[in-house]
Amino acid sequence: MSTPSLFNWHLHSIRVRYQETDRMGVVFHANYATWFEIGRTELIRAAGLTYAAIEERGLLLPVVELRCRYIQPARYDDTVVICTRVAESSSVRIAFDSQVRRIAEPEAKRLPSFVASDADLPGELLAEGGTRHVWVNSQWRPVRPDKLLPDLSRLLAPERANREEEA
């Protein structure tokens, strides 16, 4: 089986927990940032890597920008799907797109791991945004991941080359 493209949407469903809601009965806004992080972690895991393995190789990936636009509230016990993909990648930077969408519980059991287009995303859009990151070493100096983790670079390089050719 081939490794999925990190530039396709990865889908990961969760159920909204009571602790994630506020007095108004909706998900507290800061939890979407946590969900975006869960999406990034699961995207990397689906590609056969873990953040722990990346960090063991001396690479860190701090967030330098977070954006989120809220469209509809998620509520306690909703089933939501966190949709995540690599939006762009360069030798020292990476950006992720994220969406949170409400789905019916039976739909969560039938979700594919990846979908290629926005039109294939399930459910009702609740929030959208993303994060930008810079690859750094343990001294917080920018570093190129291709030198320390060639497996990751191979996952990103073919798409980067294709996108640069299209531009």
Foldseek 3Di string as FASTA:
>chain_A
DDFDALQFKFKDKDWAAPVQADPVQFGDPVVVVVLQVVRVQVSQVSRPDGVVNLVVLFKDKDWPDWDKDFDATHGHGFMKMKIKGWPADDQWKTKMKIWIFTDDPVVNVVDDRTDHDPVPDDHHTGMIIITMITIAGPVRHGDGVCVRPVSVVVSRVVVNVVVVVVD
